[in-house]
């Protein structure tokens, strides 16, 4: 079963139909407003109410601007919702408890991200002037581009493939169609790679954003560990002809380096919260950026 071919309306209907899912679905909607949208528009209306870090990595220039990736960029929540529908179609009511947990976990991701956003926001220096395209206009209208670290795109879509795989592995025994299950696991993983690539290729994120986002995801869900993160990073841009192999190697190394930096900070201060580590990372980067501008006389 092709997850992308599932109807989004039915995926939303699944949540509306089951009381055990509806309250949690409403909480996700509420969290998206209070944790993602509200802090950005507060800053737009009241500049200076919280610090903003401007992020740029030297390898951002290795990434071309590919406007055609914008639909992938916008589709990350639809893929999560369709994955819930796939699990219900495959396993029926047996999967409801796991689907409910997936919805709760997305709330956890939003609340964790919000604990960073409310203290220090972040944007990038590489965002491009959008083409005359309704999708880019939609982004400009509803996303002030102040929440780059952590990336909810990266966290949500990586959580989605990881948790979908776990649920399938747990429930597939005794079921028919095991080849289909294998295909679903592979598809959610491939879609996670494509959307992570898309956030970079439409210039909504810097390479600096991906590693810290994966680190925060690992802190929330420890079974999404260093080994899995390295596997995921190693698969990025494997099938993108717009980037040469040497640039791909540098891009992967840059993402892994920032992830490892977060792990190193955590080892030095094991009791420090992951969200605090991200806020400190952002503050330190801003200071470095100011020092660089001073040294260059700008």
C-alpha atoms as a PDB file:
ATOM      1  CA  UNK A   1       0.000   0.000   0.000  1.00  0.00           C
ATOM      2  CA  UNK A   2       1.400   3.366  -1.067  1.00  0.00           C
ATOM      3  CA  UNK A   3       1.112   5.689   1.936  1.00  0.00           C
ATOM      4  CA  UNK A   4       1.120   8.754  -0.301  1.00  0.00           C
ATOM      5  CA  UNK A   5      -1.987   7.522  -2.110  1.00  0.00           C
ATOM      6  CA  UNK A   6      -4.052   7.476   1.076  1.00  0.00           C
ATOM      7  CA  UNK A   7      -6.620  10.251   1.310  1.00  0.00           C
ATOM      8  CA  UNK A   8      -5.712  12.981   3.786  1.00  0.00           C
ATOM      9  CA  UNK A   9      -9.389  13.518   4.577  1.00  0.00           C
ATOM     10  CA  UNK A  10      -9.729   9.915   5.715  1.00  0.00           C
ATOM     11  CA  UNK A  11      -6.621  10.245   7.843  1.00  0.00           C
ATOM     12  CA  UNK A  12      -8.153  13.234   9.608  1.00  0.00           C
ATOM     13  CA  UNK A  13     -11.463  11.373   9.786  1.00  0.00           C
ATOM     14  CA  UNK A  14      -9.749   8.535  11.643  1.00  0.00           C
ATOM     15  CA  UNK A  15      -8.888  10.936  14.459  1.00  0.00           C
ATOM     16  CA  UNK A  16     -12.344  12.511  14.467  1.00  0.00           C
ATOM     17  CA  UNK A  17     -14.049   9.108  14.529  1.00  0.00           C
ATOM     18  CA  UNK A  18     -12.312   7.646  17.577  1.00  0.00           C
ATOM     19  CA  UNK A  19     -12.732   9.356  20.926  1.00  0.00           C
ATOM     20  CA  UNK A  20      -9.401   7.987  22.156  1.00  0.00           C
ATOM     21  CA  UNK A  21      -7.694   9.923  19.355  1.00  0.00           C
ATOM     22  CA  UNK A  22      -9.805  13.071  19.119  1.00  0.00           C
ATOM     23  CA  UNK A  23      -8.723  14.770  22.359  1.00  0.00           C
ATOM     24  CA  UNK A  24      -5.082  14.094  21.534  1.00  0.00           C
ATOM     25  CA  UNK A  25      -5.557  15.405  17.996  1.00  0.00           C
ATOM     26  CA  UNK A  26      -7.009  18.609  19.403  1.00  0.00           C
ATOM     27  CA  UNK A  27      -3.986  18.901  21.679  1.00  0.00           C
ATOM     28  CA  UNK A  28      -1.646  18.657  18.677  1.00  0.00           C
ATOM     29  CA  UNK A  29      -3.566  21.448  16.970  1.00  0.00           C
ATOM     30  CA  UNK A  30      -3.398  23.557  20.114  1.00  0.00           C
ATOM     31  CA  UNK A  31       0.324  22.870  20.544  1.00  0.00           C
ATOM     32  CA  UNK A  32       1.057  23.876  16.957  1.00  0.00           C
ATOM     33  CA  UNK A  33      -0.575  27.239  17.633  1.00  0.00           C
ATOM     34  CA  UNK A  34       0.856  27.956  21.084  1.00  0.00           C
ATOM     35  CA  UNK A  35       4.351  26.524  20.572  1.00  0.00           C
ATOM     36  CA  UNK A  36       5.078  27.217  16.895  1.00  0.00           C
ATOM     37  CA  UNK A  37       2.924  29.991  15.452  1.00  0.00           C
ATOM     38  CA  UNK A  38       2.246  32.217  18.463  1.00  0.00           C
ATOM     39  CA  UNK A  39       5.871  32.914  19.541  1.00  0.00           C
ATOM     40  CA  UNK A  40       6.827  33.853  15.972  1.00  0.00           C
ATOM     41  CA  UNK A  41       4.011  36.322  15.497  1.00  0.00           C
ATOM     42  CA  UNK A  42       4.639  37.740  18.978  1.00  0.00           C
ATOM     43  CA  UNK A  43       8.162  38.568  17.841  1.00  0.00           C
ATOM     44  CA  UNK A  44       6.929  40.020  14.562  1.00  0.00           C
ATOM     45  CA  UNK A  45       4.506  42.284  16.417  1.00  0.00           C
ATOM     46  CA  UNK A  46       6.859  43.070  19.308  1.00  0.00           C
ATOM     47  CA  UNK A  47      10.447  43.000  17.974  1.00  0.00           C
ATOM     48  CA  UNK A  48      13.055  42.527  20.660  1.00  0.00           C
ATOM     49  CA  UNK A  49      10.960  40.533  23.124  1.00  0.00           C
ATOM     50  CA  UNK A  50      13.332  37.574  22.722  1.00  0.00           C
ATOM     51  CA  UNK A  51      16.788  37.129  21.149  1.00  0.00           C
ATOM     52  CA  UNK A  52      17.161  35.792  17.618  1.00  0.00           C
ATOM     53  CA  UNK A  53      20.205  33.915  16.341  1.00  0.00           C
ATOM     54  CA  UNK A  54      21.111  34.109  12.652  1.00  0.00           C
ATOM     55  CA  UNK A  55      22.447  30.771  11.453  1.00  0.00           C
ATOM     56  CA  UNK A  56      24.747  30.070   8.551  1.00  0.00           C
ATOM     57  CA  UNK A  57      27.134  27.239   7.745  1.00  0.00           C
ATOM     58  CA  UNK A  58      29.803  27.551   5.073  1.00  0.00           C
ATOM     59  CA  UNK A  59      28.456  24.422   3.360  1.00  0.00           C
ATOM     60  CA  UNK A  60      25.001  25.971   2.928  1.00  0.00           C
ATOM     61  CA  UNK A  61      26.410  27.334  -0.319  1.00  0.00           C
ATOM     62  CA  UNK A  62      26.837  23.742  -1.540  1.00  0.00           C
ATOM     63  CA  UNK A  63      23.073  23.345  -1.535  1.00  0.00           C
ATOM     64  CA  UNK A  64      21.290  24.659  -4.628  1.00  0.00           C
ATOM     65  CA  UNK A  65      17.920  26.368  -4.383  1.00  0.00           C
ATOM     66  CA  UNK A  66      15.385  23.852  -5.760  1.00  0.00           C
ATOM     67  CA  UNK A  67      11.886  25.407  -5.695  1.00  0.00           C
ATOM     68  CA  UNK A  68      10.294  22.190  -6.960  1.00  0.00           C
ATOM     69  CA  UNK A  69      10.935  20.635  -3.521  1.00  0.00           C
ATOM     70  CA  UNK A  70       8.445  22.983  -1.870  1.00  0.00           C
ATOM     71  CA  UNK A  71       5.551  20.520  -2.000  1.00  0.00           C
ATOM     72  CA  UNK A  72       7.647  17.928  -0.171  1.00  0.00           C
ATOM     73  CA  UNK A  73       8.557  20.583   2.363  1.00  0.00           C
ATOM     74  CA  UNK A  74       4.902  21.407   3.029  1.00  0.00           C
ATOM     75  CA  UNK A  75       3.780  17.773   3.126  1.00  0.00           C
ATOM     76  CA  UNK A  76       5.425  16.557   6.303  1.00  0.00           C
ATOM     77  CA  UNK A  77       2.335  16.642   8.546  1.00  0.00           C
ATOM     78  CA  UNK A  78       0.234  15.008   5.831  1.00  0.00           C
ATOM     79  CA  UNK A  79       2.720  12.126   5.729  1.00  0.00           C
ATOM     80  CA  UNK A  80       2.484  11.716   9.499  1.00  0.00           C
ATOM     81  CA  UNK A  81      -1.326  11.679   9.330  1.00  0.00           C
ATOM     82  CA  UNK A  82      -1.318   9.208   6.426  1.00  0.00           C
ATOM     83  CA  UNK A  83       1.064   6.969   8.357  1.00  0.00           C
ATOM     84  CA  UNK A  84      -1.505   6.803  11.161  1.00  0.00           C
ATOM     85  CA  UNK A  85      -4.140   5.851   8.581  1.00  0.00           C
ATOM     86  CA  UNK A  86      -1.847   3.184   7.133  1.00  0.00           C
ATOM     87  CA  UNK A  87      -1.383   1.585  10.552  1.00  0.00           C
ATOM     88  CA  UNK A  88      -5.126   1.518  11.136  1.00  0.00           C
ATOM     89  CA  UNK A  89      -5.804   0.083   7.672  1.00  0.00           C
ATOM     90  CA  UNK A  90      -3.166  -2.605   8.218  1.00  0.00           C
ATOM     91  CA  UNK A  91      -3.941  -3.623  11.803  1.00  0.00           C
ATOM     92  CA  UNK A  92      -7.352  -2.202  12.650  1.00  0.00           C
ATOM     93  CA  UNK A  93      -8.344  -1.502  16.248  1.00  0.00           C
ATOM     94  CA  UNK A  94      -5.293  -3.419  17.390  1.00  0.00           C
ATOM     95  CA  UNK A  95      -3.222  -0.379  16.400  1.00  0.00           C
ATOM     96  CA  UNK A  96      -5.370   2.296  18.090  1.00  0.00           C
ATOM     97  CA  UNK A  97      -3.330   2.437  21.300  1.00  0.00           C
ATOM     98  CA  UNK A  98      -0.123   2.873  19.306  1.00  0.00           C
ATOM     99  CA  UNK A  99      -1.715   5.519  17.085  1.00  0.00           C
ATOM    100  CA  UNK A 100      -2.826   7.391  20.204  1.00  0.00           C
ATOM    101  CA  UNK A 101       0.737   7.231  21.513  1.00  0.00           C
ATOM    102  CA  UNK A 102       2.073   8.623  18.230  1.00  0.00           C
ATOM    103  CA  UNK A 103      -0.258  11.599  18.580  1.00  0.00           C
ATOM    104  CA  UNK A 104       0.826  12.153  22.196  1.00  0.00           C
ATOM    105  CA  UNK A 105       4.451  11.984  21.125  1.00  0.00           C
ATOM    106  CA  UNK A 106       3.971  14.693  18.509  1.00  0.00           C
ATOM    107  CA  UNK A 107       2.646  16.898  21.304  1.00  0.00           C
ATOM    108  CA  UNK A 108       5.829  16.160  23.275  1.00  0.00           C
ATOM    109  CA  UNK A 109       7.889  17.225  20.264  1.00  0.00           C
ATOM    110  CA  UNK A 110       5.988  20.499  19.937  1.00  0.00           C
ATOM    111  CA  UNK A 111       6.271  21.305  23.640  1.00  0.00           C
ATOM    112  CA  UNK A 112       9.997  20.540  23.687  1.00  0.00           C
ATOM    113  CA  UNK A 113      10.549  22.726  20.632  1.00  0.00           C
ATOM    114  CA  UNK A 114       8.504  25.487  22.240  1.00  0.00           C
ATOM    115  CA  UNK A 115      10.801  25.488  25.280  1.00  0.00           C
ATOM    116  CA  UNK A 116      13.596  26.501  22.923  1.00  0.00           C
ATOM    117  CA  UNK A 117      11.606  28.924  20.767  1.00  0.00           C
ATOM    118  CA  UNK A 118      10.300  30.915  23.725  1.00  0.00           C
ATOM    119  CA  UNK A 119      13.815  31.543  25.014  1.00  0.00           C
ATOM    120  CA  UNK A 120      15.745  32.051  21.796  1.00  0.00           C
ATOM    121  CA  UNK A 121      14.522  32.027  18.229  1.00  0.00           C
ATOM    122  CA  UNK A 122      16.602  31.373  15.150  1.00  0.00           C
ATOM    123  CA  UNK A 123      16.568  32.208  11.472  1.00  0.00           C
ATOM    124  CA  UNK A 124      18.958  31.668   8.562  1.00  0.00           C
ATOM    125  CA  UNK A 125      21.017  33.887   6.323  1.00  0.00           C
ATOM    126  CA  UNK A 126      20.346  31.709   3.263  1.00  0.00           C
ATOM    127  CA  UNK A 127      16.587  32.154   2.802  1.00  0.00           C
ATOM    128  CA  UNK A 128      15.819  33.151  -0.787  1.00  0.00           C
ATOM    129  CA  UNK A 129      13.330  35.599  -2.242  1.00  0.00           C
ATOM    130  CA  UNK A 130      10.423  33.302  -3.103  1.00  0.00           C
ATOM    131  CA  UNK A 131       9.337  32.783  -6.704  1.00  0.00           C
ATOM    132  CA  UNK A 132       5.800  33.723  -7.723  1.00  0.00           C
ATOM    133  CA  UNK A 133       4.442  30.434  -6.500  1.00  0.00           C
ATOM    134  CA  UNK A 134       1.373  29.939  -4.284  1.00  0.00           C
ATOM    135  CA  UNK A 135       3.217  27.471  -2.066  1.00  0.00           C
ATOM    136  CA  UNK A 136       6.016  29.918  -1.286  1.00  0.00           C
ATOM    137  CA  UNK A 137       3.501  32.698  -0.737  1.00  0.00           C
ATOM    138  CA  UNK A 138       1.740  30.435   1.781  1.00  0.00           C
ATOM    139  CA  UNK A 139       5.025  29.868   3.602  1.00  0.00           C
ATOM    140  CA  UNK A 140       5.769  33.591   3.756  1.00  0.00           C
ATOM    141  CA  UNK A 141       2.304  34.375   5.086  1.00  0.00           C
ATOM    142  CA  UNK A 142       2.204  31.786   7.870  1.00  0.00           C
ATOM    143  CA  UNK A 143       5.852  31.134   8.743  1.00  0.00           C
ATOM    144  CA  UNK A 144       7.895  34.198   9.797  1.00  0.00           C
ATOM    145  CA  UNK A 145      10.989  31.950   9.650  1.00  0.00           C
ATOM    146  CA  UNK A 146      12.070  32.326  13.266  1.00  0.00           C
ATOM    147  CA  UNK A 147      11.999  28.698  14.401  1.00  0.00           C
ATOM    148  CA  UNK A 148      14.868  26.974  12.628  1.00  0.00           C
ATOM    149  CA  UNK A 149      16.328  25.159  15.647  1.00  0.00           C
ATOM    150  CA  UNK A 150      14.851  22.768  16.383  1.00  0.00           C
ATOM    151  CA  UNK A 151      13.256  21.897  13.060  1.00  0.00           C
ATOM    152  CA  UNK A 152       9.776  20.464  13.564  1.00  0.00           C
ATOM    153  CA  UNK A 153       9.939  19.104  10.023  1.00  0.00           C
ATOM    154  CA  UNK A 154      13.015  17.026  10.822  1.00  0.00           C
ATOM    155  CA  UNK A 155      11.858  15.923  14.266  1.00  0.00           C
ATOM    156  CA  UNK A 156       8.334  14.969  13.189  1.00  0.00           C
ATOM    157  CA  UNK A 157       9.238  13.115  10.025  1.00  0.00           C
ATOM    158  CA  UNK A 158      12.136  11.206  11.616  1.00  0.00           C
ATOM    159  CA  UNK A 159      10.001  10.282  14.599  1.00  0.00           C
ATOM    160  CA  UNK A 160       7.336   9.133  12.147  1.00  0.00           C
ATOM    161  CA  UNK A 161       9.498   6.638  10.259  1.00  0.00           C
ATOM    162  CA  UNK A 162      11.093   5.367  13.460  1.00  0.00           C
ATOM    163  CA  UNK A 163       7.839   4.828  15.360  1.00  0.00           C
ATOM    164  CA  UNK A 164       5.946   3.471  12.344  1.00  0.00           C
ATOM    165  CA  UNK A 165       8.670   0.867  11.897  1.00  0.00           C
ATOM    166  CA  UNK A 166       8.506  -0.121  15.575  1.00  0.00           C
ATOM    167  CA  UNK A 167       4.728  -0.530  15.499  1.00  0.00           C
ATOM    168  CA  UNK A 168       4.817  -2.584  12.318  1.00  0.00           C
ATOM    169  CA  UNK A 169       7.523  -4.842  13.726  1.00  0.00           C
ATOM    170  CA  UNK A 170       5.417  -5.348  16.872  1.00  0.00           C
ATOM    171  CA  UNK A 171       2.075  -6.028  15.189  1.00  0.00           C
ATOM    172  CA  UNK A 172       3.010  -7.817  11.974  1.00  0.00           C
ATOM    173  CA  UNK A 173       3.433 -11.310  13.480  1.00  0.00           C
ATOM    174  CA  UNK A 174       0.547 -13.501  12.453  1.00  0.00           C
ATOM    175  CA  UNK A 175      -0.530 -11.039   9.760  1.00  0.00           C
ATOM    176  CA  UNK A 176      -0.467 -11.564   6.008  1.00  0.00           C
ATOM    177  CA  UNK A 177       1.174  -9.192   3.562  1.00  0.00           C
ATOM    178  CA  UNK A 178       4.599  -8.964   5.214  1.00  0.00           C
ATOM    179  CA  UNK A 179       6.142  -7.692   1.977  1.00  0.00           C
ATOM    180  CA  UNK A 180       3.722  -4.768   2.112  1.00  0.00           C
ATOM    181  CA  UNK A 181       4.845  -3.999   5.668  1.00  0.00           C
ATOM    182  CA  UNK A 182       8.471  -3.989   4.556  1.00  0.00           C
ATOM    183  CA  UNK A 183       7.557  -1.572   1.782  1.00  0.00           C
ATOM    184  CA  UNK A 184       5.799   0.741   4.251  1.00  0.00           C
ATOM    185  CA  UNK A 185       8.837   0.808   6.543  1.00  0.00           C
ATOM    186  CA  UNK A 186      11.080   1.628   3.585  1.00  0.00           C
ATOM    187  CA  UNK A 187       8.681   4.282   2.275  1.00  0.00           C
ATOM    188  CA  UNK A 188       8.392   6.211   5.560  1.00  0.00           C
ATOM    189  CA  UNK A 189      12.188   6.204   5.832  1.00  0.00           C
ATOM    190  CA  UNK A 190      12.614   7.411   2.250  1.00  0.00           C
ATOM    191  CA  UNK A 191      10.026  10.143   2.772  1.00  0.00           C
ATOM    192  CA  UNK A 192      11.880  11.298   5.890  1.00  0.00           C
ATOM    193  CA  UNK A 193      15.064  11.616   3.859  1.00  0.00           C
ATOM    194  CA  UNK A 194      13.263  13.498   1.096  1.00  0.00           C
ATOM    195  CA  UNK A 195      11.618  15.994   3.437  1.00  0.00           C
ATOM    196  CA  UNK A 196      14.834  16.613   5.373  1.00  0.00           C
ATOM    197  CA  UNK A 197      16.547  17.270   2.042  1.00  0.00           C
ATOM    198  CA  UNK A 198      13.661  19.517   0.997  1.00  0.00           C
ATOM    199  CA  UNK A 199      13.942  21.799   4.042  1.00  0.00           C
ATOM    200  CA  UNK A 200      17.508  22.487   2.939  1.00  0.00           C
ATOM    201  CA  UNK A 201      16.880  22.710  -0.804  1.00  0.00           C
ATOM    202  CA  UNK A 202      14.088  25.285  -0.456  1.00  0.00           C
ATOM    203  CA  UNK A 203      16.452  27.282   1.801  1.00  0.00           C
ATOM    204  CA  UNK A 204      14.165  27.223   4.840  1.00  0.00           C
ATOM    205  CA  UNK A 205      16.926  25.744   6.987  1.00  0.00           C
ATOM    206  CA  UNK A 206      20.681  25.792   7.336  1.00  0.00           C
ATOM    207  CA  UNK A 207      22.796  22.667   7.701  1.00  0.00           C
ATOM    208  CA  UNK A 208      23.340  23.841  11.272  1.00  0.00           C
ATOM    209  CA  UNK A 209      19.680  23.120  12.044  1.00  0.00           C
ATOM    210  CA  UNK A 210      19.521  19.391  11.350  1.00  0.00           C
ATOM    211  CA  UNK A 211      22.001  17.963  13.887  1.00  0.00           C
ATOM    212  CA  UNK A 212      20.550  19.789  16.937  1.00  0.00           C
ATOM    213  CA  UNK A 213      17.042  18.752  15.862  1.00  0.00           C
ATOM    214  CA  UNK A 214      18.079  15.097  15.712  1.00  0.00           C
ATOM    215  CA  UNK A 215      19.788  15.495  19.088  1.00  0.00           C
ATOM    216  CA  UNK A 216      16.598  16.807  20.692  1.00  0.00           C
ATOM    217  CA  UNK A 217      14.646  13.948  19.126  1.00  0.00           C
ATOM    218  CA  UNK A 218      17.148  11.471  20.603  1.00  0.00           C
ATOM    219  CA  UNK A 219      16.763  13.064  24.016  1.00  0.00           C
ATOM    220  CA  UNK A 220      12.977  12.669  23.885  1.00  0.00           C
ATOM    221  CA  UNK A 221      13.099   9.132  22.473  1.00  0.00           C
ATOM    222  CA  UNK A 222      16.381   7.476  23.513  1.00  0.00           C
ATOM    223  CA  UNK A 223      15.834   4.495  21.214  1.00  0.00           C
ATOM    224  CA  UNK A 224      16.335   6.938  18.347  1.00  0.00           C
ATOM    225  CA  UNK A 225      19.998   6.698  19.216  1.00  0.00           C
ATOM    226  CA  UNK A 226      23.340   7.740  17.792  1.00  0.00           C
ATOM    227  CA  UNK A 227      23.524   4.666  15.587  1.00  0.00           C
ATOM    228  CA  UNK A 228      20.148   5.433  14.000  1.00  0.00           C
ATOM    229  CA  UNK A 229      21.029   9.101  13.581  1.00  0.00           C
ATOM    230  CA  UNK A 230      24.257   8.199  11.784  1.00  0.00           C
ATOM    231  CA  UNK A 231      22.363   5.798   9.524  1.00  0.00           C
ATOM    232  CA  UNK A 232      19.853   8.502   8.667  1.00  0.00           C
ATOM    233  CA  UNK A 233      22.459  11.176   7.988  1.00  0.00           C
ATOM    234  CA  UNK A 234      24.372   8.676   5.844  1.00  0.00           C
ATOM    235  CA  UNK A 235      21.322   8.289   3.594  1.00  0.00           C
ATOM    236  CA  UNK A 236      20.819  11.995   2.910  1.00  0.00           C
ATOM    237  CA  UNK A 237      21.235  13.185  -0.694  1.00  0.00           C
ATOM    238  CA  UNK A 238      21.991   9.681  -1.887  1.00  0.00           C
ATOM    239  CA  UNK A 239      19.680  10.096  -4.879  1.00  0.00           C
ATOM    240  CA  UNK A 240      19.920  13.841  -5.544  1.00  0.00           C
ATOM    241  CA  UNK A 241      21.739  14.452  -8.800  1.00  0.00           C
ATOM    242  CA  UNK A 242      21.771  18.214  -8.233  1.00  0.00           C
ATOM    243  CA  UNK A 243      24.614  17.767  -5.732  1.00  0.00           C
ATOM    244  CA  UNK A 244      27.932  16.078  -6.481  1.00  0.00           C
ATOM    245  CA  UNK A 245      29.349  13.266  -4.325  1.00  0.00           C
ATOM    246  CA  UNK A 246      32.082  15.413  -2.762  1.00  0.00           C
ATOM    247  CA  UNK A 247      29.565  18.063  -1.699  1.00  0.00           C
ATOM    248  CA  UNK A 248      27.266  15.348  -0.331  1.00  0.00           C
ATOM    249  CA  UNK A 249      30.092  14.020   1.829  1.00  0.00           C
ATOM    250  CA  UNK A 250      30.779  17.500   3.212  1.00  0.00           C
ATOM    251  CA  UNK A 251      27.071  18.112   3.870  1.00  0.00           C
ATOM    252  CA  UNK A 252      26.689  14.861   5.779  1.00  0.00           C
ATOM    253  CA  UNK A 253      29.851  15.577   7.755  1.00  0.00           C
ATOM    254  CA  UNK A 254      28.569  19.038   8.698  1.00  0.00           C
ATOM    255  CA  UNK A 255      25.257  17.631   9.986  1.00  0.00           C
ATOM    256  CA  UNK A 256      26.957  14.840  11.906  1.00  0.00           C
ATOM    257  CA  UNK A 257      29.446  17.286  13.409  1.00  0.00           C
ATOM    258  CA  UNK A 258      26.722  19.446  14.960  1.00  0.00           C
ATOM    259  CA  UNK A 259      24.915  16.351  16.255  1.00  0.00           C
ATOM    260  CA  UNK A 260      28.133  15.097  17.842  1.00  0.00           C
ATOM    261  CA  UNK A 261      28.739  18.545  19.306  1.00  0.00           C
ATOM    262  CA  UNK A 262      25.377  18.369  21.076  1.00  0.00           C
ATOM    263  CA  UNK A 263      26.229  14.915  22.416  1.00  0.00           C
ATOM    264  CA  UNK A 264      29.580  16.231  23.658  1.00  0.00           C
ATOM    265  CA  UNK A 265      27.873  19.068  25.509  1.00  0.00           C
ATOM    266  CA  UNK A 266      25.492  16.586  27.084  1.00  0.00           C
ATOM    267  CA  UNK A 267      28.361  14.356  28.235  1.00  0.00           C
ATOM    268  CA  UNK A 268      30.032  17.329  29.896  1.00  0.00           C
ATOM    269  CA  UNK A 269      26.808  18.286  31.699  1.00  0.00           C
ATOM    270  CA  UNK A 270      24.705  15.093  31.906  1.00  0.00           C
ATOM    271  CA  UNK A 271      22.062  16.703  34.106  1.00  0.00           C
ATOM    272  CA  UNK A 272      21.470  19.595  31.732  1.00  0.00           C
ATOM    273  CA  UNK A 273      18.268  19.444  29.713  1.00  0.00           C
ATOM    274  CA  UNK A 274      18.579  18.995  25.966  1.00  0.00           C
ATOM    275  CA  UNK A 275      16.520  22.140  25.386  1.00  0.00           C
ATOM    276  CA  UNK A 276      18.997  24.129  27.517  1.00  0.00           C
ATOM    277  CA  UNK A 277      21.862  22.749  25.437  1.00  0.00           C
ATOM    278  CA  UNK A 278      20.161  23.946  22.244  1.00  0.00           C
ATOM    279  CA  UNK A 279      19.538  27.406  23.691  1.00  0.00           C
ATOM    280  CA  UNK A 280      23.204  27.671  24.716  1.00  0.00           C
ATOM    281  CA  UNK A 281      24.294  26.488  21.272  1.00  0.00           C
ATOM    282  CA  UNK A 282      22.207  29.191  19.638  1.00  0.00           C
ATOM    283  CA  UNK A 283      23.496  31.888  21.984  1.00  0.00           C
ATOM    284  CA  UNK A 284      27.104  30.866  21.399  1.00  0.00           C
ATOM    285  CA  UNK A 285      26.630  30.860  17.661  1.00  0.00           C
ATOM    286  CA  UNK A 286      25.209  34.377  17.727  1.00  0.00           C
ATOM    287  CA  UNK A 287      28.190  35.587  19.738  1.00  0.00           C
ATOM    288  CA  UNK A 288      30.574  33.997  17.244  1.00  0.00           C
ATOM    289  CA  UNK A 289      28.681  35.624  14.374  1.00  0.00           C
ATOM    290  CA  UNK A 290      29.035  39.070  15.992  1.00  0.00           C
ATOM    291  CA  UNK A 291      32.729  38.498  16.651  1.00  0.00           C
ATOM    292  CA  UNK A 292      33.251  37.531  13.010  1.00  0.00           C
ATOM    293  CA  UNK A 293      31.526  40.672  11.782  1.00  0.00           C
ATOM    294  CA  UNK A 294      33.642  42.823  14.091  1.00  0.00           C
ATOM    295  CA  UNK A 295      36.863  41.181  12.966  1.00  0.00           C
ATOM    296  CA  UNK A 296      35.884  41.824   9.342  1.00  0.00           C
ATOM    297  CA  UNK A 297      35.088  45.457  10.106  1.00  0.00           C
ATOM    298  CA  UNK A 298      31.379  45.102   9.172  1.00  0.00           C
END
